[in-house]
Structure formats: structure tokens, C-alpha cells
Amino acid sequence: MLTKGKSDVDVTLIMKIFGICNTSGRFISAISFVTDKLDSLIIHICCLGVSGALTISYPLYASIDGAEFAFAVIAGIFIGGSNADYSGFRR
């Protein structure tokens, strides 16, 4: 049998890290919406821009050990931040 990539345990850990960071990104962005100092559209666009740049540049750093974990942390925070506008918080 030919196997490639991470083990099942590593993939499970990466998904847990992504989920935790996604939730924390939503909370951080939702709190910043309430302060009236930042516009939710600007935060949404910036989070999507960082997420896109991170995804496009992944082949440049994919060979580094632990890159998958770093990607899961950063992508989780910024992808969660872009969706925080739907969290139900109102100004």
C-alpha cells in the first residue's frame, strides 16, 4: 500500500488546531466589531486577503517541518475572522 503525507493522528491534530483557531478568530473579530473603531467590511476584506495570500504562497513553505500546523493556525484565525460578521453581534 502506498501512503503519502501525514498520519491519521497528525491530520486529526491539524483539524483540531484549525477548529480552535477558527473559533478564536471569530471571537476576536466579533469583539473588534463591537468597539465601533473598525468597520466590519474592512476586517472581512483584510482577513480574506491574508487567507488568500497564505493559500497561494503555501507551496513556497510546504517543505518546512511543521508548515501544516502553522498553516492551520494562521488560516484558522483569518478564515474565522472573515466570517465573524455573521456572529450575531450588533453595534
PDB file of N, CA and C in Angstrom:
ATOM      1  N   MET A   1       0.834  -1.180   0.000  1.00  0.00           N
ATOM      2  CA  MET A   1       0.000   0.000   0.000  1.00  0.00           C
ATOM      3  C   MET A   1       0.879   1.243   0.000  1.00  0.00           C
ATOM      4  N   LEU A   2       0.562   2.167  -0.847  1.00  0.00           N
ATOM      5  CA  LEU A   2       1.321   3.400  -0.976  1.00  0.00           C
ATOM      6  C   LEU A   2       0.690   4.478  -0.102  1.00  0.00           C
ATOM      7  N   THR A   3       1.484   5.067   0.760  1.00  0.00           N
ATOM      8  CA  THR A   3       0.981   6.146   1.605  1.00  0.00           C
ATOM      9  C   THR A   3       1.812   7.392   1.370  1.00  0.00           C
ATOM     10  N   LYS A   4       1.174   8.513   1.492  1.00  0.00           N
ATOM     11  CA  LYS A   4       1.858   9.785   1.297  1.00  0.00           C
ATOM     12  C   LYS A   4       1.240  10.801   2.245  1.00  0.00           C
ATOM     13  N   GLY A   5       2.058  11.625   2.830  1.00  0.00           N
ATOM     14  CA  GLY A   5       1.529  12.678   3.670  1.00  0.00           C
ATOM     15  C   GLY A   5       1.617  12.360   5.146  1.00  0.00           C
ATOM     16  N   LYS A   6       0.697  12.931   5.884  1.00  0.00           N
ATOM     17  CA  LYS A   6       0.679  12.813   7.340  1.00  0.00           C
ATOM     18  C   LYS A   6      -0.111  11.595   7.794  1.00  0.00           C
ATOM     19  N   SER A   7       0.160  11.187   9.017  1.00  0.00           N
ATOM     20  CA  SER A   7      -0.588  10.073   9.600  1.00  0.00           C
ATOM     21  C   SER A   7      -1.980  10.544  10.022  1.00  0.00           C
ATOM     22  N   ASP A   8      -2.820   9.596  10.362  1.00  0.00           N
ATOM     23  CA  ASP A   8      -4.179   9.930  10.794  1.00  0.00           C
ATOM     24  C   ASP A   8      -4.173  10.791  12.054  1.00  0.00           C
ATOM     25  N   VAL A   9      -3.245  10.528  12.942  1.00  0.00           N
ATOM     26  CA  VAL A   9      -3.151  11.302  14.187  1.00  0.00           C
ATOM     27  C   VAL A   9      -2.765  12.745  13.881  1.00  0.00           C
ATOM     28  N   ASP A  10      -1.812  12.939  12.968  1.00  0.00           N
ATOM     29  CA  ASP A  10      -1.403  14.294  12.607  1.00  0.00           C
ATOM     30  C   ASP A  10      -2.533  15.066  11.935  1.00  0.00           C
ATOM     31  N   VAL A  11      -3.257  14.410  11.060  1.00  0.00           N
ATOM     32  CA  VAL A  11      -4.375  15.068  10.382  1.00  0.00           C
ATOM     33  C   VAL A  11      -5.458  15.450  11.383  1.00  0.00           C
ATOM     34  N   THR A  12      -5.732  14.576  12.330  1.00  0.00           N
ATOM     35  CA  THR A  12      -6.711  14.887  13.370  1.00  0.00           C
ATOM     36  C   THR A  12      -6.270  16.081  14.198  1.00  0.00           C
ATOM     37  N   LEU A  13      -5.002  16.132  14.555  1.00  0.00           N
ATOM     38  CA  LEU A  13      -4.474  17.257  15.326  1.00  0.00           C
ATOM     39  C   LEU A  13      -4.541  18.552  14.528  1.00  0.00           C
ATOM     40  N   ILE A  14      -4.213  18.495  13.249  1.00  0.00           N
ATOM     41  CA  ILE A  14      -4.282  19.686  12.402  1.00  0.00           C
ATOM     42  C   ILE A  14      -5.714  20.204  12.326  1.00  0.00           C
ATOM     43  N   MET A  15      -6.684  19.309  12.187  1.00  0.00           N
ATOM     44  CA  MET A  15      -8.081  19.739  12.122  1.00  0.00           C
ATOM     45  C   MET A  15      -8.566  20.308  13.451  1.00  0.00           C
ATOM     46  N   LYS A  16      -8.104  19.754  14.562  1.00  0.00           N
ATOM     47  CA  LYS A  16      -8.453  20.313  15.875  1.00  0.00           C
ATOM     48  C   LYS A  16      -7.870  21.708  16.032  1.00  0.00           C
ATOM     49  N   ILE A  17      -6.614  21.872  15.641  1.00  0.00           N
ATOM     50  CA  ILE A  17      -5.964  23.182  15.724  1.00  0.00           C
ATOM     51  C   ILE A  17      -6.703  24.187  14.856  1.00  0.00           C
ATOM     52  N   PHE A  18      -7.061  23.785  13.641  1.00  0.00           N
ATOM     53  CA  PHE A  18      -7.787  24.674  12.737  1.00  0.00           C
ATOM     54  C   PHE A  18      -9.123  25.095  13.343  1.00  0.00           C
ATOM     55  N   GLY A  19      -9.851  24.157  13.913  1.00  0.00           N
ATOM     56  CA  GLY A  19     -11.148  24.470  14.505  1.00  0.00           C
ATOM     57  C   GLY A  19     -11.049  25.407  15.693  1.00  0.00           C
ATOM     58  N   ILE A  20     -10.076  25.182  16.553  1.00  0.00           N
ATOM     59  CA  ILE A  20      -9.888  26.055  17.718  1.00  0.00           C
ATOM     60  C   ILE A  20      -9.494  27.459  17.273  1.00  0.00           C
ATOM     61  N   CYS A  21      -8.583  27.553  16.322  1.00  0.00           N
ATOM     62  CA  CYS A  21      -8.149  28.866  15.841  1.00  0.00           C
ATOM     63  C   CYS A  21      -9.254  29.568  15.062  1.00  0.00           C
ATOM     64  N   ASN A  22     -10.082  28.814  14.353  1.00  0.00           N
ATOM     65  CA  ASN A  22     -11.205  29.399  13.638  1.00  0.00           C
ATOM     66  C   ASN A  22     -12.184  30.029  14.617  1.00  0.00           C
ATOM     67  N   THR A  23     -12.487  29.329  15.687  1.00  0.00           N
ATOM     68  CA  THR A  23     -13.392  29.863  16.701  1.00  0.00           C
ATOM     69  C   THR A  23     -12.803  31.087  17.383  1.00  0.00           C
ATOM     70  N   SER A  24     -11.516  31.036  17.718  1.00  0.00           N
ATOM     71  CA  SER A  24     -10.893  32.200  18.360  1.00  0.00           C
ATOM     72  C   SER A  24     -10.829  33.378  17.403  1.00  0.00           C
ATOM     73  N   GLY A  25     -10.614  33.140  16.118  1.00  0.00           N
ATOM     74  CA  GLY A  25     -10.624  34.226  15.143  1.00  0.00           C
ATOM     75  C   GLY A  25     -11.983  34.886  15.041  1.00  0.00           C
ATOM     76  N   ARG A  26     -13.033  34.086  15.135  1.00  0.00           N
ATOM     77  CA  ARG A  26     -14.388  34.647  15.112  1.00  0.00           C
ATOM     78  C   ARG A  26     -14.642  35.525  16.339  1.00  0.00           C
ATOM     79  N   PHE A  27     -14.209  35.057  17.507  1.00  0.00           N
ATOM     80  CA  PHE A  27     -14.406  35.847  18.718  1.00  0.00           C
ATOM     81  C   PHE A  27     -13.614  37.148  18.679  1.00  0.00           C
ATOM     82  N   ILE A  28     -12.372  37.077  18.256  1.00  0.00           N
ATOM     83  CA  ILE A  28     -11.538  38.281  18.202  1.00  0.00           C
ATOM     84  C   ILE A  28     -12.127  39.301  17.234  1.00  0.00           C
ATOM     85  N   SER A  29     -12.551  38.846  16.066  1.00  0.00           N
ATOM     86  CA  SER A  29     -13.137  39.771  15.096  1.00  0.00           C
ATOM     87  C   SER A  29     -14.474  40.316  15.571  1.00  0.00           C
ATOM     88  N   ALA A  30     -15.283  39.476  16.194  1.00  0.00           N
ATOM     89  CA  ALA A  30     -16.579  39.943  16.686  1.00  0.00           C
ATOM     90  C   ALA A  30     -16.405  40.989  17.777  1.00  0.00           C
ATOM     91  N   ILE A  31     -15.425  40.811  18.627  1.00  0.00           N
ATOM     92  CA  ILE A  31     -15.159  41.815  19.664  1.00  0.00           C
ATOM     93  C   ILE A  31     -14.687  43.119  19.036  1.00  0.00           C
ATOM     94  N   SER A  32     -13.896  43.030  17.979  1.00  0.00           N
ATOM     95  CA  SER A  32     -13.420  44.257  17.330  1.00  0.00           C
ATOM     96  C   SER A  32     -14.550  44.974  16.600  1.00  0.00           C
ATOM     97  N   PHE A  33     -15.593  44.258  16.174  1.00  0.00           N
ATOM     98  CA  PHE A  33     -16.738  44.909  15.546  1.00  0.00           C
ATOM     99  C   PHE A  33     -17.507  45.759  16.552  1.00  0.00           C
ATOM    100  N   VAL A  34     -17.572  45.300  17.775  1.00  0.00           N
ATOM    101  CA  VAL A  34     -18.370  45.966  18.800  1.00  0.00           C
ATOM    102  C   VAL A  34     -17.752  47.298  19.219  1.00  0.00           C
ATOM    103  N   THR A  35     -16.449  47.458  19.049  1.00  0.00           N
ATOM    104  CA  THR A  35     -15.770  48.661  19.521  1.00  0.00           C
ATOM    105  C   THR A  35     -16.070  49.902  18.698  1.00  0.00           C
ATOM    106  N   ASP A  36     -16.711  49.778  17.547  1.00  0.00           N
ATOM    107  CA  ASP A  36     -17.039  50.891  16.645  1.00  0.00           C
ATOM    108  C   ASP A  36     -15.820  51.568  16.044  1.00  0.00           C
ATOM    109  N   LYS A  37     -14.629  51.065  16.297  1.00  0.00           N
ATOM    110  CA  LYS A  37     -13.435  51.683  15.730  1.00  0.00           C
ATOM    111  C   LYS A  37     -13.051  51.053  14.398  1.00  0.00           C
ATOM    112  N   LEU A  38     -13.485  49.831  14.170  1.00  0.00           N
ATOM    113  CA  LEU A  38     -13.150  49.128  12.940  1.00  0.00           C
ATOM    114  C   LEU A  38     -14.425  48.750  12.204  1.00  0.00           C
ATOM    115  N   ASP A  39     -14.408  48.966  10.909  1.00  0.00           N
ATOM    116  CA  ASP A  39     -15.552  48.598  10.088  1.00  0.00           C
ATOM    117  C   ASP A  39     -15.494  47.105   9.777  1.00  0.00           C
ATOM    118  N   SER A  40     -16.620  46.450   9.849  1.00  0.00           N
ATOM    119  CA  SER A  40     -16.642  45.002   9.625  1.00  0.00           C
ATOM    120  C   SER A  40     -16.261  44.643   8.196  1.00  0.00           C
ATOM    121  N   LEU A  41     -16.566  45.492   7.236  1.00  0.00           N
ATOM    122  CA  LEU A  41     -16.210  45.206   5.846  1.00  0.00           C
ATOM    123  C   LEU A  41     -14.701  45.238   5.643  1.00  0.00           C
ATOM    124  N   ILE A  42     -14.019  46.167   6.284  1.00  0.00           N
ATOM    125  CA  ILE A  42     -12.560  46.247   6.174  1.00  0.00           C
ATOM    126  C   ILE A  42     -11.916  45.007   6.789  1.00  0.00           C
ATOM    127  N   ILE A  43     -12.392  44.595   7.946  1.00  0.00           N
ATOM    128  CA  ILE A  43     -11.853  43.389   8.581  1.00  0.00           C
ATOM    129  C   ILE A  43     -12.123  42.170   7.706  1.00  0.00           C
ATOM    130  N   HIS A  44     -13.303  42.091   7.144  1.00  0.00           N
ATOM    131  CA  HIS A  44     -13.667  40.966   6.279  1.00  0.00           C
ATOM    132  C   HIS A  44     -12.739  40.892   5.062  1.00  0.00           C
ATOM    133  N   ILE A  45     -12.517  42.011   4.399  1.00  0.00           N
ATOM    134  CA  ILE A  45     -11.663  42.040   3.208  1.00  0.00           C
ATOM    135  C   ILE A  45     -10.217  41.726   3.566  1.00  0.00           C
ATOM    136  N   CYS A  46      -9.724  42.281   4.663  1.00  0.00           N
ATOM    137  CA  CYS A  46      -8.336  42.008   5.073  1.00  0.00           C
ATOM    138  C   CYS A  46      -8.140  40.534   5.433  1.00  0.00           C
ATOM    139  N   CYS A  47      -9.082  39.959   6.151  1.00  0.00           N
ATOM    140  CA  CYS A  47      -8.971  38.540   6.514  1.00  0.00           C
ATOM    141  C   CYS A  47      -8.992  37.649   5.279  1.00  0.00           C
ATOM    142  N   LEU A  48      -9.861  37.956   4.321  1.00  0.00           N
ATOM    143  CA  LEU A  48      -9.893  37.161   3.096  1.00  0.00           C
ATOM    144  C   LEU A  48      -8.621  37.344   2.282  1.00  0.00           C
ATOM    145  N   GLY A  49      -8.068  38.561   2.265  1.00  0.00           N
ATOM    146  CA  GLY A  49      -6.812  38.804   1.551  1.00  0.00           C
ATOM    147  C   GLY A  49      -5.651  38.031   2.145  1.00  0.00           C
ATOM    148  N   VAL A  50      -5.546  38.049   3.473  1.00  0.00           N
ATOM    149  CA  VAL A  50      -4.471  37.299   4.136  1.00  0.00           C
ATOM    150  C   VAL A  50      -4.658  35.798   3.919  1.00  0.00           C
ATOM    151  N   SER A  51      -5.894  35.321   4.000  1.00  0.00           N
ATOM    152  CA  SER A  51      -6.160  33.896   3.774  1.00  0.00           C
ATOM    153  C   SER A  51      -5.789  33.485   2.351  1.00  0.00           C
ATOM    154  N   GLY A  52      -6.129  34.316   1.390  1.00  0.00           N
ATOM    155  CA  GLY A  52      -5.788  34.017   0.002  1.00  0.00           C
ATOM    156  C   GLY A  52      -4.294  34.025  -0.243  1.00  0.00           C
ATOM    157  N   ALA A  53      -3.601  35.026   0.298  1.00  0.00           N
ATOM    158  CA  ALA A  53      -2.146  35.101   0.136  1.00  0.00           C
ATOM    159  C   ALA A  53      -1.461  33.918   0.810  1.00  0.00           C
ATOM    160  N   LEU A  54      -1.957  33.530   1.955  1.00  0.00           N
ATOM    161  CA  LEU A  54      -1.399  32.384   2.671  1.00  0.00           C
ATOM    162  C   LEU A  54      -1.572  31.097   1.870  1.00  0.00           C
ATOM    163  N   THR A  55      -2.737  30.930   1.275  1.00  0.00           N
ATOM    164  CA  THR A  55      -3.011  29.729   0.492  1.00  0.00           C
ATOM    165  C   THR A  55      -2.201  29.696  -0.800  1.00  0.00           C
ATOM    166  N   ILE A  56      -2.109  30.827  -1.474  1.00  0.00           N
ATOM    167  CA  ILE A  56      -1.350  30.882  -2.724  1.00  0.00           C
ATOM    168  C   ILE A  56       0.132  30.638  -2.481  1.00  0.00           C
ATOM    169  N   SER A  57       0.652  31.145  -1.373  1.00  0.00           N
ATOM    170  CA  SER A  57       2.084  31.006  -1.102  1.00  0.00           C
ATOM    171  C   SER A  57       2.449  29.698  -0.401  1.00  0.00           C
ATOM    172  N   TYR A  58       1.490  28.827  -0.147  1.00  0.00           N
ATOM    173  CA  TYR A  58       1.771  27.578   0.570  1.00  0.00           C
ATOM    174  C   TYR A  58       2.855  26.721  -0.089  1.00  0.00           C
ATOM    175  N   PRO A  59       2.900  26.582  -1.397  1.00  0.00           N
ATOM    176  CA  PRO A  59       3.977  25.764  -1.991  1.00  0.00           C
ATOM    177  C   PRO A  59       5.382  26.283  -1.687  1.00  0.00           C
ATOM    178  N   LEU A  60       5.520  27.546  -1.350  1.00  0.00           N
ATOM    179  CA  LEU A  60       6.835  28.108  -1.050  1.00  0.00           C
ATOM    180  C   LEU A  60       7.385  27.620   0.287  1.00  0.00           C
ATOM    181  N   TYR A  61       6.516  27.323   1.233  1.00  0.00           N
ATOM    182  CA  TYR A  61       6.981  26.902   2.561  1.00  0.00           C
ATOM    183  C   TYR A  61       6.466  25.521   2.965  1.00  0.00           C
ATOM    184  N   ALA A  62       5.884  24.784   2.049  1.00  0.00           N
ATOM    185  CA  ALA A  62       5.311  23.473   2.369  1.00  0.00           C
ATOM    186  C   ALA A  62       6.364  22.446   2.773  1.00  0.00           C
ATOM    187  N   SER A  63       7.591  22.627   2.337  1.00  0.00           N
ATOM    188  CA  SER A  63       8.631  21.641   2.646  1.00  0.00           C
ATOM    189  C   SER A  63       9.222  21.815   4.045  1.00  0.00           C
ATOM    190  N   ILE A  64       8.894  22.891   4.720  1.00  0.00           N
ATOM    191  CA  ILE A  64       9.400  23.147   6.070  1.00  0.00           C
ATOM    192  C   ILE A  64       8.638  22.267   7.065  1.00  0.00           C
ATOM    193  N   ASP A  65       9.368  21.712   8.028  1.00  0.00           N
ATOM    194  CA  ASP A  65       8.717  20.889   9.053  1.00  0.00           C
ATOM    195  C   ASP A  65       7.741  21.728   9.865  1.00  0.00           C
ATOM    196  N   GLY A  66       6.555  21.227  10.048  1.00  0.00           N
ATOM    197  CA  GLY A  66       5.543  21.922  10.838  1.00  0.00           C
ATOM    198  C   GLY A  66       4.775  22.978  10.063  1.00  0.00           C
ATOM    199  N   ALA A  67       4.989  23.069   8.759  1.00  0.00           N
ATOM    200  CA  ALA A  67       4.291  24.083   7.964  1.00  0.00           C
ATOM    201  C   ALA A  67       2.783  23.855   7.964  1.00  0.00           C
ATOM    202  N   GLU A  68       2.375  22.607   8.018  1.00  0.00           N
ATOM    203  CA  GLU A  68       0.937  22.311   8.029  1.00  0.00           C
ATOM    204  C   GLU A  68       0.275  22.845   9.292  1.00  0.00           C
ATOM    205  N   PHE A  69       0.989  22.741  10.409  1.00  0.00           N
ATOM    206  CA  PHE A  69       0.441  23.230  11.674  1.00  0.00           C
ATOM    207  C   PHE A  69       0.376  24.755  11.685  1.00  0.00           C
ATOM    208  N   ALA A  70       1.421  25.403  11.177  1.00  0.00           N
ATOM    209  CA  ALA A  70       1.417  26.865  11.094  1.00  0.00           C
ATOM    210  C   ALA A  70       0.320  27.342  10.151  1.00  0.00           C
ATOM    211  N   PHE A  71       0.149  26.647   9.043  1.00  0.00           N
ATOM    212  CA  PHE A  71      -0.917  26.992   8.101  1.00  0.00           C
ATOM    213  C   PHE A  71      -2.282  26.851   8.763  1.00  0.00           C
ATOM    214  N   ALA A  72      -2.482  25.791   9.532  1.00  0.00           N
ATOM    215  CA  ALA A  72      -3.764  25.569  10.204  1.00  0.00           C
ATOM    216  C   ALA A  72      -4.060  26.674  11.209  1.00  0.00           C
ATOM    217  N   VAL A  73      -3.036  27.123  11.934  1.00  0.00           N
ATOM    218  CA  VAL A  73      -3.229  28.191  12.922  1.00  0.00           C
ATOM    219  C   VAL A  73      -3.588  29.501  12.233  1.00  0.00           C
ATOM    220  N   ILE A  74      -2.773  29.910  11.280  1.00  0.00           N
ATOM    221  CA  ILE A  74      -2.978  31.212  10.636  1.00  0.00           C
ATOM    222  C   ILE A  74      -4.250  31.212   9.794  1.00  0.00           C
ATOM    223  N   ALA A  75      -4.448  30.163   9.014  1.00  0.00           N
ATOM    224  CA  ALA A  75      -5.657  30.095   8.191  1.00  0.00           C
ATOM    225  C   ALA A  75      -6.903  30.018   9.062  1.00  0.00           C
ATOM    226  N   GLY A  76      -6.842  29.284  10.149  1.00  0.00           N
ATOM    227  CA  GLY A  76      -7.996  29.192  11.038  1.00  0.00           C
ATOM    228  C   GLY A  76      -8.397  30.536  11.610  1.00  0.00           C
ATOM    229  N   ILE A  77      -7.422  31.299  12.055  1.00  0.00           N
ATOM    230  CA  ILE A  77      -7.715  32.612  12.637  1.00  0.00           C
ATOM    231  C   ILE A  77      -8.302  33.555  11.597  1.00  0.00           C
ATOM    232  N   PHE A  78      -7.676  33.628  10.423  1.00  0.00           N
ATOM    233  CA  PHE A  78      -8.127  34.602   9.436  1.00  0.00           C
ATOM    234  C   PHE A  78      -9.392  34.170   8.702  1.00  0.00           C
ATOM    235  N   ILE A  79      -9.585  32.892   8.476  1.00  0.00           N
ATOM    236  CA  ILE A  79     -10.835  32.443   7.860  1.00  0.00           C
ATOM    237  C   ILE A  79     -11.983  32.616   8.850  1.00  0.00           C
ATOM    238  N   GLY A  80     -11.734  32.339  10.115  1.00  0.00           N
ATOM    239  CA  GLY A  80     -12.757  32.585  11.130  1.00  0.00           C
ATOM    240  C   GLY A  80     -13.065  34.059  11.274  1.00  0.00           C
ATOM    241  N   GLY A  81     -12.045  34.895  11.154  1.00  0.00           N
ATOM    242  CA  GLY A  81     -12.249  36.340  11.252  1.00  0.00           C
ATOM    243  C   GLY A  81     -13.101  36.891  10.137  1.00  0.00           C
ATOM    244  N   SER A  82     -12.975  36.307   8.956  1.00  0.00           N
ATOM    245  CA  SER A  82     -13.774  36.812   7.835  1.00  0.00           C
ATOM    246  C   SER A  82     -15.248  36.455   7.984  1.00  0.00           C
ATOM    247  N   ASN A  83     -15.554  35.431   8.742  1.00  0.00           N
ATOM    248  CA  ASN A  83     -16.945  35.011   8.943  1.00  0.00           C
ATOM    249  C   ASN A  83     -17.561  35.565  10.214  1.00  0.00           C
ATOM    250  N   ALA A  84     -16.829  36.342  10.966  1.00  0.00           N
ATOM    251  CA  ALA A  84     -17.325  36.821  12.255  1.00  0.00           C
ATOM    252  C   ALA A  84     -18.445  37.833  12.112  1.00  0.00           C
ATOM    253  N   ASP A  85     -18.618  38.402  10.932  1.00  0.00           N
ATOM    254  CA  ASP A  85     -19.694  39.361  10.727  1.00  0.00           C
ATOM    255  C   ASP A  85     -21.060  38.698  10.896  1.00  0.00           C
ATOM    256  N   TYR A  86     -21.105  37.390  10.769  1.00  0.00           N
ATOM    257  CA  TYR A  86     -22.349  36.643  10.904  1.00  0.00           C
ATOM    258  C   TYR A  86     -22.545  36.088  12.306  1.00  0.00           C
ATOM    259  N   SER A  87     -21.781  36.582  13.268  1.00  0.00           N
ATOM    260  CA  SER A  87     -21.820  36.014  14.612  1.00  0.00           C
ATOM    261  C   SER A  87     -22.991  36.502  15.451  1.00  0.00           C
ATOM    262  N   GLY A  88     -23.706  37.506  14.993  1.00  0.00           N
ATOM    263  CA  GLY A  88     -24.872  37.973  15.719  1.00  0.00           C
ATOM    264  C   GLY A  88     -24.634  39.202  16.570  1.00  0.00           C
ATOM    265  N   PHE A  89     -23.395  39.665  16.658  1.00  0.00           N
ATOM    266  CA  PHE A  89     -23.115  40.875  17.419  1.00  0.00           C
ATOM    267  C   PHE A  89     -23.552  42.088  16.621  1.00  0.00           C
ATOM    268  N   ARG A  90     -24.182  43.019  17.275  1.00  0.00           N
ATOM    269  CA  ARG A  90     -24.617  44.257  16.627  1.00  0.00           C
ATOM    270  C   ARG A  90     -24.057  45.436  17.394  1.00  0.00           C
ATOM    271  N   ARG A  91     -23.821  46.502  16.677  1.00  0.00           N
ATOM    272  CA  ARG A  91     -23.293  47.721  17.308  1.00  0.00           C
ATOM    273  C   ARG A  91     -24.385  48.474  18.012  1.00  0.00           C
TER     274      ARG A  91
END
